[in-house]
């Protein structure tokens, strides 16, 4: 089940699309982007957790997330 609500993703896509001259966004496109965002968040969180564990911590910090984002 999806964790990220569709409404904010839809707003982002519409705002971005309008600035680029696109008038409409399909529901399926919003769902697909939401799914991609969730996959990215899971991957990034997993990498950040590895950094926290390696540092001997049980808390994921801002630095862990930043480092995880730099690791592609």
C-alpha atoms as a PDB file:
ATOM      1  CA  UNK A   1       0.000   0.000   0.000  1.00  0.00           C
ATOM      2  CA  UNK A   2       1.208   3.469  -0.869  1.00  0.00           C
ATOM      3  CA  UNK A   3       2.446   5.744   1.903  1.00  0.00           C
ATOM      4  CA  UNK A   4       2.645   9.025  -0.010  1.00  0.00           C
ATOM      5  CA  UNK A   5      -0.745  10.642  -0.736  1.00  0.00           C
ATOM      6  CA  UNK A   6      -1.566  11.353  -4.377  1.00  0.00           C
ATOM      7  CA  UNK A   7      -2.770  14.946  -3.840  1.00  0.00           C
ATOM      8  CA  UNK A   8       0.657  16.509  -3.098  1.00  0.00           C
ATOM      9  CA  UNK A   9       2.250  14.603  -5.982  1.00  0.00           C
ATOM     10  CA  UNK A  10      -0.546  15.794  -8.280  1.00  0.00           C
ATOM     11  CA  UNK A  11      -0.017  19.416  -7.161  1.00  0.00           C
ATOM     12  CA  UNK A  12       3.717  19.206  -7.818  1.00  0.00           C
ATOM     13  CA  UNK A  13       3.186  17.708 -11.267  1.00  0.00           C
ATOM     14  CA  UNK A  14       0.521  20.266 -12.223  1.00  0.00           C
ATOM     15  CA  UNK A  15       2.608  23.196 -10.987  1.00  0.00           C
ATOM     16  CA  UNK A  16       5.666  21.924 -12.852  1.00  0.00           C
ATOM     17  CA  UNK A  17       3.659  21.096 -15.962  1.00  0.00           C
ATOM     18  CA  UNK A  18       1.980  24.493 -16.112  1.00  0.00           C
ATOM     19  CA  UNK A  19       5.346  26.237 -15.941  1.00  0.00           C
ATOM     20  CA  UNK A  20       6.439  24.137 -18.945  1.00  0.00           C
ATOM     21  CA  UNK A  21       3.251  24.642 -20.969  1.00  0.00           C
ATOM     22  CA  UNK A  22       1.536  21.329 -20.117  1.00  0.00           C
ATOM     23  CA  UNK A  23      -2.169  21.665 -19.321  1.00  0.00           C
ATOM     24  CA  UNK A  24      -3.089  18.253 -17.897  1.00  0.00           C
ATOM     25  CA  UNK A  25      -1.634  15.380 -15.894  1.00  0.00           C
ATOM     26  CA  UNK A  26      -3.145  11.897 -16.035  1.00  0.00           C
ATOM     27  CA  UNK A  27      -4.068  10.049 -12.869  1.00  0.00           C
ATOM     28  CA  UNK A  28      -1.823   7.164 -13.918  1.00  0.00           C
ATOM     29  CA  UNK A  29       1.136   9.553 -14.303  1.00  0.00           C
ATOM     30  CA  UNK A  30       0.572  10.817 -10.755  1.00  0.00           C
ATOM     31  CA  UNK A  31       0.386   7.246  -9.450  1.00  0.00           C
ATOM     32  CA  UNK A  32       3.563   6.281 -11.315  1.00  0.00           C
ATOM     33  CA  UNK A  33       5.509   9.257  -9.952  1.00  0.00           C
ATOM     34  CA  UNK A  34       4.256   8.502  -6.435  1.00  0.00           C
ATOM     35  CA  UNK A  35       5.486   4.912  -6.797  1.00  0.00           C
ATOM     36  CA  UNK A  36       8.890   6.103  -8.042  1.00  0.00           C
ATOM     37  CA  UNK A  37       9.178   8.577  -5.153  1.00  0.00           C
ATOM     38  CA  UNK A  38       8.358   5.854  -2.641  1.00  0.00           C
ATOM     39  CA  UNK A  39      10.927   3.486  -4.154  1.00  0.00           C
ATOM     40  CA  UNK A  40      13.550   6.226  -4.020  1.00  0.00           C
ATOM     41  CA  UNK A  41      12.670   7.027  -0.392  1.00  0.00           C
ATOM     42  CA  UNK A  42      12.986   3.370   0.624  1.00  0.00           C
ATOM     43  CA  UNK A  43      16.360   3.014  -1.111  1.00  0.00           C
ATOM     44  CA  UNK A  44      17.681   6.252   0.390  1.00  0.00           C
ATOM     45  CA  UNK A  45      16.427   5.342   3.873  1.00  0.00           C
ATOM     46  CA  UNK A  46      18.042   1.922   3.629  1.00  0.00           C
ATOM     47  CA  UNK A  47      21.408   3.420   2.689  1.00  0.00           C
ATOM     48  CA  UNK A  48      21.093   6.016   5.469  1.00  0.00           C
ATOM     49  CA  UNK A  49      20.357   3.248   7.986  1.00  0.00           C
ATOM     50  CA  UNK A  50      23.538   1.449   6.911  1.00  0.00           C
ATOM     51  CA  UNK A  51      25.552   4.623   7.561  1.00  0.00           C
ATOM     52  CA  UNK A  52      23.966   5.049  11.005  1.00  0.00           C
ATOM     53  CA  UNK A  53      24.654   1.424  11.922  1.00  0.00           C
ATOM     54  CA  UNK A  54      28.248   1.681  10.695  1.00  0.00           C
ATOM     55  CA  UNK A  55      28.689   4.713  12.970  1.00  0.00           C
ATOM     56  CA  UNK A  56      27.340   2.706  15.920  1.00  0.00           C
ATOM     57  CA  UNK A  57      24.120   4.703  16.178  1.00  0.00           C
ATOM     58  CA  UNK A  58      20.472   3.670  16.305  1.00  0.00           C
ATOM     59  CA  UNK A  59      19.343   7.044  14.978  1.00  0.00           C
ATOM     60  CA  UNK A  60      19.475   8.079  11.323  1.00  0.00           C
ATOM     61  CA  UNK A  61      20.799  11.637  11.164  1.00  0.00           C
ATOM     62  CA  UNK A  62      20.678  14.411   8.607  1.00  0.00           C
ATOM     63  CA  UNK A  63      24.267  13.593   7.706  1.00  0.00           C
ATOM     64  CA  UNK A  64      23.364   9.947   7.042  1.00  0.00           C
ATOM     65  CA  UNK A  65      20.645  11.004   4.617  1.00  0.00           C
ATOM     66  CA  UNK A  66      22.970  13.460   2.872  1.00  0.00           C
ATOM     67  CA  UNK A  67      25.687  10.815   2.517  1.00  0.00           C
ATOM     68  CA  UNK A  68      23.161   8.284   1.250  1.00  0.00           C
ATOM     69  CA  UNK A  69      21.976  10.806  -1.340  1.00  0.00           C
ATOM     70  CA  UNK A  70      25.511  11.275  -2.599  1.00  0.00           C
ATOM     71  CA  UNK A  71      25.931   7.501  -3.036  1.00  0.00           C
ATOM     72  CA  UNK A  72      24.225   6.502  -6.259  1.00  0.00           C
END
